[in-house]
Amino acid sequence: MTNELDQILISYKQPGFDQRLVQLRMAICQAATFNPRSDEGKEVVKIIEKVLEHGDKAVAEYTEKYDVVKLTPEQFLVSKENLEKAHREIDKNLLTLIHKAIENVRQYQAKIFIGNKSDLSGETGIKYKPIKRVGICVPGASAPLPSTVIMTAVPAQVAGVKEIVVISPPRYQGGIHPVILALCYELRIYEVYRIGGAQAVAALASGTDTIRGVDKIVGPGNMWVQTAKRLLFGEVGIDSIAGPSEVLIIANDKANPSWIAADMLSQAEHAPGSAILFTDSQQVAENTLGELKKQVMQLNRAEETIERLTKYCGIVVFKNMNDAIEWANEFASEHLEIQCGDKSKEIADKIDNAGAIFIGDYSPVAVGDYWAGPSHTLPTGGGARFSSALTSNDFIKSTSIIEYDKKKLAESAEDIIRLAEAEGLDAHAKSIKIRQQK
């Protein structure tokens, strides 16, 4: 069964090399959201419109249709008692680890936070204020992701957000996985709804009778969630398109093929997930392929992972490392690992587009997913060309401050008047002139 993986080995010596890379990149980008003209894209539009029109009733209908769980609007919200129960029953050793992870994230997010650097002195300045109400999407399909709660809610709390809402689909016995609930209670997040998908995003954006709307929606999710976020941007803020998980690994002949394969599989096991190796070593490429074939058969979801490896993954041999770096910047991957021995930092300096860079053999993506401090909520589908990792700074908004006195305005009045008149905005000019009359 693993022989079909031979097709993912791509070499610069093969005809149509560049075209195959373009096709691979497009397959990954298109996996982030639905084409709005596709049947699924049209269905997302329909879901949003129906939620806007019918509110809770539509949310309940789509929850029954897609999650096969029948809920009344009164059952959307998880009770505080159930949150507390989940927290009380969680494994205490796991809770201790969660405390450490929370502290790592809190320390990092506080260190990079700019919201306490307001400058109101002089004639111009800036002030920062936290966003009032934020919604967090927590996936719950192929696997529960309690780490997503940490990586989204803690940065928001560092920024000073007072109201945090969590949505997650009812995929665990008709509700949300208890570890996610326990973590929400630990973080004192008591507004948790057992709804997911495009209908939940629409409910957060517009508000319903039972769910108050939010100012910004963040967090990862499947194509339904991310397409809804994209379509609703403007009515509500979003972080980025944080869709299917990706890793791109740049490796030379110093790298360990078995480690590379393990890191590729750690992303390919997502539904869907993408894992790509860029190397200038034919030997490393072939050895990694062999390790993939061996290790994938040891996974619980081997058949599904092989399918994703053939669809969204590749092992690419370049003529030289400069070409690999150039294409890495084109792919703008969510996670970028560099396993090039003592050349790793030098190569990292040449990467312009990546959600997060993991430098060296001992920095696998899992370190960032759970522990290091930076959020694992990252732009996917090439979004790292213009978007960034979620941080505490994404939960504040800035307001520009302009404060001129009579003297300062007089010094600039003629220049402002000329610019206003050049644009044909007579009233703009007069608003300055009237203040210059004696």
Protein backbone atom coordinates (compact mmCIF):
# COMPACT_ATOMS: atom_id res chain seq x y z
CA MET A 1 0.00 0.00 0.00
CA THR A 2 2.88 2.40 0.72
CA ASN A 3 4.34 2.06 -2.79
CA GLU A 4 1.92 4.76 -3.92
CA LEU A 5 4.02 7.19 -1.89
CA ASP A 6 6.74 6.95 -4.54
CA GLN A 7 4.84 9.58 -6.51
CA ILE A 8 5.53 12.28 -3.91
CA LEU A 9 9.28 12.23 -4.68
CA ILE A 10 9.94 15.14 -7.02
CA SER A 11 13.34 16.05 -8.48
CA TYR A 12 14.66 19.07 -10.34
CA LYS A 13 15.92 16.56 -12.93
CA GLN A 14 12.38 15.57 -13.86
CA PRO A 15 10.56 17.34 -16.70
CA GLY A 16 7.93 19.83 -15.59
CA PHE A 17 9.58 20.27 -12.18
CA ASP A 18 8.46 23.88 -11.63
CA GLN A 19 4.94 23.08 -12.75
CA ARG A 20 4.66 20.23 -10.27
CA LEU A 21 5.72 22.58 -7.48
CA VAL A 22 3.12 25.12 -8.56
CA GLN A 23 0.45 22.41 -8.58
CA LEU A 24 1.48 21.23 -5.12
CA ARG A 25 1.39 24.78 -3.78
CA MET A 26 -2.04 25.38 -5.29
CA ALA A 27 -3.41 22.15 -3.81
CA ILE A 28 -2.32 23.32 -0.35
CA CYS A 29 -3.68 26.85 -0.82
CA GLN A 30 -7.02 25.55 -2.06
CA ALA A 31 -7.36 23.29 0.96
CA ALA A 32 -7.65 26.32 3.28
CA THR A 33 -11.07 27.56 2.11
CA PHE A 34 -13.75 26.64 -0.39
CA ASN A 35 -13.96 28.35 -3.74
CA PRO A 36 -16.98 30.66 -3.31
CA ARG A 37 -18.34 29.38 -6.65
CA SER A 38 -18.16 25.73 -5.58
CA ASP A 39 -21.17 23.88 -4.18
CA GLU A 40 -19.59 23.97 -0.72
CA GLY A 41 -18.80 27.68 -1.02
CA LYS A 42 -22.40 28.41 -2.00
CA GLU A 43 -23.58 26.31 0.94
CA VAL A 44 -21.49 28.41 3.35
CA VAL A 45 -23.11 31.56 1.96
CA LYS A 46 -26.53 29.95 2.42
CA ILE A 47 -25.70 28.98 6.02
CA ILE A 48 -24.58 32.51 6.87
CA GLU A 49 -27.66 34.07 5.30
CA LYS A 50 -29.98 31.67 7.11
CA VAL A 51 -28.32 32.31 10.48
CA LEU A 52 -28.55 36.06 9.90
CA GLU A 53 -32.27 35.69 9.15
CA HIS A 54 -33.37 32.99 11.58
CA GLY A 55 -30.72 33.06 14.32
CA ASP A 56 -30.81 30.24 16.85
CA LYS A 57 -33.29 28.19 14.84
CA ALA A 58 -30.87 28.02 11.91
CA VAL A 59 -27.92 27.21 14.18
CA ALA A 60 -29.88 24.30 15.66
CA GLU A 61 -30.92 23.02 12.23
CA TYR A 62 -27.37 23.04 10.86
CA THR A 63 -25.99 21.50 14.05
CA GLU A 64 -28.40 18.61 13.60
CA LYS A 65 -27.58 18.35 9.88
CA TYR A 66 -23.79 18.42 10.08
CA ASP A 67 -22.98 17.25 13.62
CA VAL A 68 -25.96 14.89 13.93
CA VAL A 69 -26.75 16.33 17.35
CA LYS A 70 -30.18 17.75 18.14
CA LEU A 71 -29.99 20.75 20.47
CA THR A 72 -32.42 23.43 21.51
CA PRO A 73 -31.00 26.96 21.73
CA GLU A 74 -31.13 26.66 25.51
CA GLN A 75 -28.71 23.73 25.24
CA PHE A 76 -26.06 25.55 23.21
CA LEU A 77 -24.36 26.97 26.30
CA VAL A 78 -22.39 24.58 28.48
CA SER A 79 -23.37 25.17 32.08
CA LYS A 80 -20.81 26.45 34.55
CA GLU A 81 -21.54 23.37 36.64
CA ASN A 82 -20.45 21.11 33.78
CA LEU A 83 -17.31 23.17 33.24
CA GLU A 84 -16.48 22.86 36.93
CA LYS A 85 -17.22 19.12 36.89
CA ALA A 86 -14.84 18.58 33.97
CA HIS A 87 -12.15 20.55 35.80
CA ARG A 88 -12.69 18.58 38.99
CA GLU A 89 -12.40 15.25 37.18
CA ILE A 90 -9.44 16.00 34.91
CA ASP A 91 -6.27 14.01 35.47
CA LYS A 92 -4.22 16.05 37.95
CA ASN A 93 -0.91 15.26 36.28
CA LEU A 94 -2.31 16.56 33.00
CA LEU A 95 -3.59 19.67 34.79
CA THR A 96 -0.07 20.29 36.15
CA LEU A 97 1.33 20.15 32.61
CA ILE A 98 -1.43 22.49 31.42
CA HIS A 99 -0.45 24.99 34.14
CA LYS A 100 3.14 24.97 32.86
CA ALA A 101 2.08 25.41 29.24
CA ILE A 102 -0.21 28.30 30.19
CA GLU A 103 2.61 30.01 32.05
CA ASN A 104 5.02 29.59 29.12
CA VAL A 105 2.51 31.16 26.76
CA ARG A 106 1.61 33.94 29.20
CA GLN A 107 5.24 34.92 29.73
CA TYR A 108 6.02 35.00 26.00
CA GLN A 109 2.87 36.94 25.10
CA ALA A 110 3.49 39.49 27.86
CA LYS A 111 7.06 39.98 26.69
CA ILE A 112 6.05 40.89 23.14
CA PHE A 113 2.93 42.90 24.06
CA ILE A 114 2.89 46.50 22.80
CA GLY A 115 -0.46 47.54 24.28
CA ASN A 116 1.10 49.16 27.33
CA LYS A 117 3.18 51.49 25.17
CA SER A 118 0.57 54.16 24.46
CA ASP A 119 2.07 57.57 23.70
CA LEU A 120 -0.24 60.53 24.28
CA SER A 121 2.42 63.24 24.51
CA GLY A 122 2.95 66.00 21.98
CA GLU A 123 0.75 66.94 19.02
CA THR A 124 0.30 63.38 17.74
CA GLY A 125 0.23 60.08 19.54
CA ILE A 126 -1.40 56.69 19.81
CA LYS A 127 -3.37 54.78 22.41
CA TYR A 128 -4.12 51.07 22.63
CA LYS A 129 -7.26 49.47 24.01
CA PRO A 130 -8.16 45.78 24.20
CA ILE A 131 -10.93 44.43 22.02
CA LYS A 132 -14.02 44.07 24.19
CA ARG A 133 -15.42 40.70 23.11
CA VAL A 134 -13.65 37.88 21.28
CA GLY A 135 -14.83 34.53 19.93
CA ILE A 136 -12.50 31.52 19.76
CA CYS A 137 -12.98 28.58 17.40
CA VAL A 138 -11.76 25.31 18.87
CA PRO A 139 -11.81 22.35 16.45
CA GLY A 140 -13.29 19.13 17.68
CA ALA A 141 -13.47 16.88 14.65
CA SER A 142 -10.58 14.46 14.05
CA ALA A 143 -9.10 15.12 17.50
CA PRO A 144 -9.89 17.42 20.44
CA LEU A 145 -7.46 20.33 20.58
CA PRO A 146 -7.36 21.74 24.11
CA SER A 147 -4.01 23.34 23.26
CA THR A 148 -5.91 25.68 20.92
CA VAL A 149 -7.71 27.14 23.93
CA ILE A 150 -4.36 27.99 25.53
CA MET A 151 -2.86 29.39 22.34
CA THR A 152 -5.80 31.71 21.67
CA ALA A 153 -7.33 32.58 25.03
CA VAL A 154 -4.10 33.30 26.93
CA PRO A 155 -2.86 35.91 24.41
CA ALA A 156 -6.31 37.54 24.59
CA GLN A 157 -6.17 37.62 28.38
CA VAL A 158 -2.67 39.12 28.31
CA ALA A 159 -4.08 41.87 26.09
CA GLY A 160 -6.84 42.60 28.60
CA VAL A 161 -9.85 41.17 26.75
CA LYS A 162 -12.67 40.94 29.28
CA GLU A 163 -15.17 38.75 27.40
CA ILE A 164 -13.96 35.54 25.75
CA VAL A 165 -16.38 33.14 24.09
CA VAL A 166 -15.46 29.60 23.00
CA ILE A 167 -17.28 27.59 20.35
CA SER A 168 -16.55 23.94 19.61
CA PRO A 169 -18.64 21.36 17.76
CA PRO A 170 -20.53 18.71 19.76
CA ARG A 171 -18.46 15.76 18.56
CA TYR A 172 -17.77 14.11 21.93
CA GLN A 173 -20.84 12.22 23.12
CA GLY A 174 -23.05 15.07 21.90
CA GLY A 175 -20.94 17.70 23.61
CA ILE A 176 -17.40 19.04 23.91
CA HIS A 177 -14.44 16.98 25.05
CA PRO A 178 -14.07 17.30 28.85
CA VAL A 179 -10.42 18.33 28.63
CA ILE A 180 -11.44 21.39 26.61
CA LEU A 181 -14.15 22.19 29.13
CA ALA A 182 -11.75 21.77 32.06
CA LEU A 183 -9.25 24.09 30.40
CA CYS A 184 -11.91 26.75 29.83
CA TYR A 185 -12.81 26.59 33.51
CA GLU A 186 -9.13 26.79 34.47
CA LEU A 187 -8.83 30.00 32.42
CA ARG A 188 -12.10 31.33 33.86
CA ILE A 189 -13.86 31.22 30.53
CA TYR A 190 -17.47 30.43 31.35
CA GLU A 191 -19.18 31.22 28.04
CA VAL A 192 -18.68 28.02 26.06
CA TYR A 193 -21.07 26.89 23.31
CA ARG A 194 -21.35 23.36 21.92
CA ILE A 195 -21.73 24.51 18.32
CA GLY A 196 -19.27 24.60 15.45
CA GLY A 197 -18.93 25.01 11.71
CA ALA A 198 -20.01 27.92 9.55
CA GLN A 199 -23.24 28.29 11.53
CA ALA A 200 -21.34 28.96 14.76
CA VAL A 201 -19.07 31.51 13.07
CA ALA A 202 -22.13 33.28 11.66
CA ALA A 203 -23.77 33.29 15.10
CA LEU A 204 -20.68 34.87 16.65
CA ALA A 205 -20.49 37.47 13.91
CA SER A 206 -24.12 38.58 13.91
CA GLY A 207 -25.38 37.50 17.32
CA THR A 208 -28.58 35.57 18.03
CA ASP A 209 -31.14 35.59 20.81
CA THR A 210 -28.93 33.32 22.94
CA ILE A 211 -25.44 34.24 21.68
CA ARG A 212 -24.20 37.81 21.80
CA GLY A 213 -22.10 38.82 18.84
CA VAL A 214 -18.36 39.35 19.18
CA ASP A 215 -15.94 41.91 17.79
CA LYS A 216 -13.33 39.45 16.53
CA ILE A 217 -13.19 35.72 15.73
CA VAL A 218 -9.93 33.81 15.99
CA GLY A 219 -8.74 30.24 15.87
CA PRO A 220 -8.23 27.35 13.47
CA GLY A 221 -10.86 25.19 11.84
CA ASN A 222 -11.85 23.22 8.78
CA MET A 223 -12.72 24.69 5.39
CA TRP A 224 -16.30 25.45 6.49
CA VAL A 225 -15.11 27.51 9.44
CA GLN A 226 -12.38 29.35 7.54
CA THR A 227 -14.60 30.11 4.55
CA ALA A 228 -17.20 31.58 6.89
CA LYS A 229 -14.54 33.68 8.61
CA ARG A 230 -13.35 35.00 5.25
CA LEU A 231 -16.88 35.85 4.08
CA LEU A 232 -17.80 37.59 7.34
CA PHE A 233 -14.61 39.63 7.60
CA GLY A 234 -15.61 43.27 7.77
CA GLU A 235 -18.74 42.57 9.76
CA VAL A 236 -16.41 41.08 12.35
CA GLY A 237 -12.64 41.01 12.71
CA ILE A 238 -10.67 37.81 12.11
CA ASP A 239 -7.10 36.74 12.79
CA SER A 240 -6.18 34.99 9.55
CA ILE A 241 -7.23 31.98 7.52
CA ALA A 242 -5.98 29.31 9.93
CA GLY A 243 -7.00 26.15 8.14
CA PRO A 244 -5.43 22.74 7.47
CA SER A 245 -2.11 22.19 9.21
CA GLU A 246 1.12 22.46 7.18
CA VAL A 247 4.81 21.89 7.66
CA LEU A 248 7.62 22.55 5.23
CA ILE A 249 11.03 21.15 6.20
CA ILE A 250 14.28 22.41 4.71
CA ALA A 251 17.01 19.83 5.25
CA ASN A 252 20.52 19.11 4.00
CA ASP A 253 22.71 16.04 4.27
CA LYS A 254 23.22 16.69 8.01
CA ALA A 255 19.57 15.92 8.78
CA ASN A 256 18.14 12.71 10.21
CA PRO A 257 15.64 11.19 7.73
CA SER A 258 13.75 9.31 10.43
CA TRP A 259 13.19 12.55 12.34
CA ILE A 260 12.10 14.33 9.17
CA ALA A 261 9.59 11.57 8.42
CA ALA A 262 8.23 11.72 11.96
CA ASP A 263 7.76 15.48 11.69
CA MET A 264 6.05 15.15 8.31
CA LEU A 265 3.63 12.57 9.68
CA SER A 266 2.84 14.74 12.70
CA GLN A 267 1.19 17.21 10.32
CA ALA A 268 -0.06 14.79 7.66
CA GLU A 269 -2.17 13.01 10.28
CA HIS A 270 -4.42 16.08 10.50
CA ALA A 271 -7.57 16.01 8.38
CA PRO A 272 -6.32 17.37 6.07
CA GLY A 273 -2.66 18.07 6.68
CA SER A 274 0.28 18.94 4.46
CA ALA A 275 3.93 17.97 4.90
CA ILE A 276 6.72 18.83 2.48
CA LEU A 277 10.46 18.27 2.48
CA PHE A 278 12.77 20.56 0.51
CA THR A 279 16.34 19.25 0.26
CA ASP A 280 19.43 19.44 -1.90
CA SER A 281 20.35 15.85 -1.04
CA GLN A 282 19.00 12.99 -3.14
CA GLN A 283 20.08 10.55 -0.43
CA VAL A 284 18.18 12.37 2.31
CA ALA A 285 15.11 12.47 0.06
CA GLU A 286 15.19 8.74 -0.66
CA ASN A 287 15.90 7.80 2.94
CA THR A 288 13.07 10.03 4.16
CA LEU A 289 10.68 8.38 1.71
CA GLY A 290 11.71 4.99 3.06
CA GLU A 291 11.13 6.17 6.64
CA LEU A 292 7.71 7.55 5.71
CA LYS A 293 6.68 4.20 4.28
CA LYS A 294 7.79 2.44 7.43
CA GLN A 295 6.50 4.90 10.04
CA VAL A 296 3.10 5.57 8.47
CA MET A 297 2.14 1.92 8.89
CA GLN A 298 2.67 2.29 12.63
CA LEU A 299 -0.06 4.95 12.92
CA ASN A 300 -3.62 4.28 14.02
CA ARG A 301 -4.92 6.16 10.98
CA ALA A 302 -2.41 4.84 8.44
CA GLU A 303 -4.78 4.59 5.47
CA GLU A 304 -6.14 8.12 5.88
CA THR A 305 -2.64 9.53 6.39
CA ILE A 306 -1.34 7.86 3.21
CA GLU A 307 -4.19 9.45 1.29
CA ARG A 308 -3.20 12.90 2.58
CA LEU A 309 0.48 12.24 1.89
CA THR A 310 -0.29 11.57 -1.76
CA LYS A 311 -2.57 14.59 -2.08
CA TYR A 312 -0.94 17.40 -0.10
CA CYS A 313 2.65 16.27 0.54
CA GLY A 314 5.93 16.09 -1.31
CA ILE A 315 9.61 15.27 -1.03
CA VAL A 316 11.38 17.71 -3.33
CA VAL A 317 15.02 17.54 -4.41
CA PHE A 318 16.52 20.85 -5.53
CA LYS A 319 19.69 21.51 -7.45
CA ASN A 320 20.97 23.70 -4.60
CA MET A 321 19.86 25.16 -1.28
CA ASN A 322 19.27 28.65 -2.70
CA ASP A 323 16.54 27.26 -4.94
CA ALA A 324 14.98 25.48 -1.96
CA ILE A 325 14.93 28.72 0.03
CA GLU A 326 13.39 30.64 -2.87
CA TRP A 327 10.57 28.13 -3.22
CA ALA A 328 10.07 27.99 0.55
CA ASN A 329 9.31 31.70 0.48
CA GLU A 330 6.85 31.06 -2.35
CA PHE A 331 5.04 28.36 -0.37
CA ALA A 332 4.87 30.62 2.74
CA SER A 333 4.14 27.64 4.95
CA GLU A 334 2.39 27.69 8.31
CA HIS A 335 5.27 25.83 10.03
CA LEU A 336 8.79 25.90 8.61
CA GLU A 337 11.41 23.59 10.08
CA ILE A 338 15.08 23.98 9.22
CA GLN A 339 17.23 20.92 9.83
CA CYS A 340 20.55 21.87 8.28
CA GLY A 341 23.05 21.44 11.09
CA ASP A 342 25.21 24.48 11.72
CA LYS A 343 23.70 26.17 8.64
CA SER A 344 20.20 26.26 10.14
CA LYS A 345 20.28 29.81 11.55
CA GLU A 346 21.91 31.17 8.41
CA ILE A 347 19.09 29.70 6.32
CA ALA A 348 16.46 30.95 8.77
CA ASP A 349 17.68 34.50 8.17
CA LYS A 350 16.81 34.09 4.48
CA ILE A 351 13.20 33.07 5.13
CA ASP A 352 10.77 35.96 4.64
CA ASN A 353 7.46 34.08 4.57
CA ALA A 354 6.50 31.61 7.27
CA GLY A 355 4.00 31.51 10.10
CA ALA A 356 6.60 30.14 12.51
CA ILE A 357 10.21 29.02 11.99
CA PHE A 358 11.61 26.07 13.94
CA ILE A 359 15.40 26.14 13.87
CA GLY A 360 17.57 23.07 14.33
CA ASP A 361 17.12 19.33 14.77
CA TYR A 362 15.61 19.64 18.25
CA SER A 363 12.82 22.10 17.43
CA PRO A 364 9.96 20.02 15.99
CA VAL A 365 6.57 21.64 15.43
CA ALA A 366 5.17 19.88 18.50
CA VAL A 367 7.33 22.12 20.72
CA GLY A 368 5.46 25.13 19.34
CA ASP A 369 2.10 23.38 19.33
CA TYR A 370 2.10 22.81 23.06
CA TRP A 371 4.88 24.40 24.99
CA ALA A 372 7.31 27.09 23.81
CA GLY A 373 5.07 30.18 24.12
CA PRO A 374 4.29 31.52 20.64
CA SER A 375 0.75 30.71 19.57
CA HIS A 376 0.24 27.75 17.28
CA THR A 377 -2.62 29.59 15.57
CA LEU A 378 -0.88 30.52 12.33
CA PRO A 379 -1.82 31.54 8.78
CA THR A 380 -2.11 28.67 6.30
CA GLY A 381 -2.62 28.30 2.58
CA GLY A 382 0.15 30.76 1.71
CA GLY A 383 -1.28 33.36 4.10
CA ALA A 384 2.11 33.87 5.74
CA ARG A 385 2.96 36.15 2.80
CA PHE A 386 0.74 38.80 4.41
CA SER A 387 -0.47 37.47 7.78
CA SER A 388 1.24 36.64 11.05
CA ALA A 389 1.07 34.30 14.00
CA LEU A 390 -1.68 35.14 16.47
CA THR A 391 -0.26 37.16 19.38
CA SER A 392 -1.45 39.28 22.27
CA ASN A 393 -1.10 42.27 19.95
CA ASP A 394 -3.94 40.96 17.79
CA PHE A 395 -6.37 41.57 20.64
CA ILE A 396 -5.82 45.30 20.90
CA LYS A 397 -6.76 48.12 18.60
CA SER A 398 -4.95 51.40 18.24
CA THR A 399 -6.46 54.87 18.08
CA SER A 400 -4.48 57.75 16.61
CA ILE A 401 -4.31 60.93 18.69
CA ILE A 402 -4.07 64.40 17.12
CA GLU A 403 -3.94 67.44 19.39
CA TYR A 404 -3.04 70.80 17.78
CA ASP A 405 -3.21 74.09 19.60
CA LYS A 406 -3.94 77.47 18.01
CA LYS A 407 -0.31 78.18 17.22
CA LYS A 408 0.39 74.78 15.67
CA LEU A 409 -2.69 74.94 13.48
CA ALA A 410 -1.75 78.44 12.29
CA GLU A 411 1.69 77.17 11.25
CA SER A 412 0.16 74.50 8.99
CA ALA A 413 -3.14 76.13 7.97
CA GLU A 414 -2.16 77.32 4.49
CA ASP A 415 -0.64 73.97 3.55
CA ILE A 416 -3.74 72.07 4.71
CA ILE A 417 -6.03 74.50 2.86
CA ARG A 418 -4.08 74.05 -0.39
CA LEU A 419 -4.26 70.25 -0.15
CA ALA A 420 -8.01 70.33 0.57
CA GLU A 421 -8.68 72.68 -2.34
CA ALA A 422 -6.53 70.52 -4.64
CA GLU A 423 -8.92 67.66 -3.90
CA GLY A 424 -11.93 69.89 -4.51
CA LEU A 425 -13.07 69.55 -0.90
CA ASP A 426 -14.12 73.11 -0.22
CA ALA A 427 -15.73 72.41 3.15
CA HIS A 428 -12.51 70.78 4.38
CA ALA A 429 -10.61 73.93 3.52
CA LYS A 430 -13.21 76.17 5.15
CA SER A 431 -13.01 74.18 8.39
CA ILE A 432 -9.41 75.40 8.62
CA LYS A 433 -10.05 78.95 7.32
CA ILE A 434 -12.77 79.66 9.84
CA ARG A 435 -10.29 79.10 12.65
CA GLN A 436 -7.85 81.60 11.15
CA GLN A 437 -10.32 84.49 11.08
CA LYS A 438 -9.58 87.26 13.51
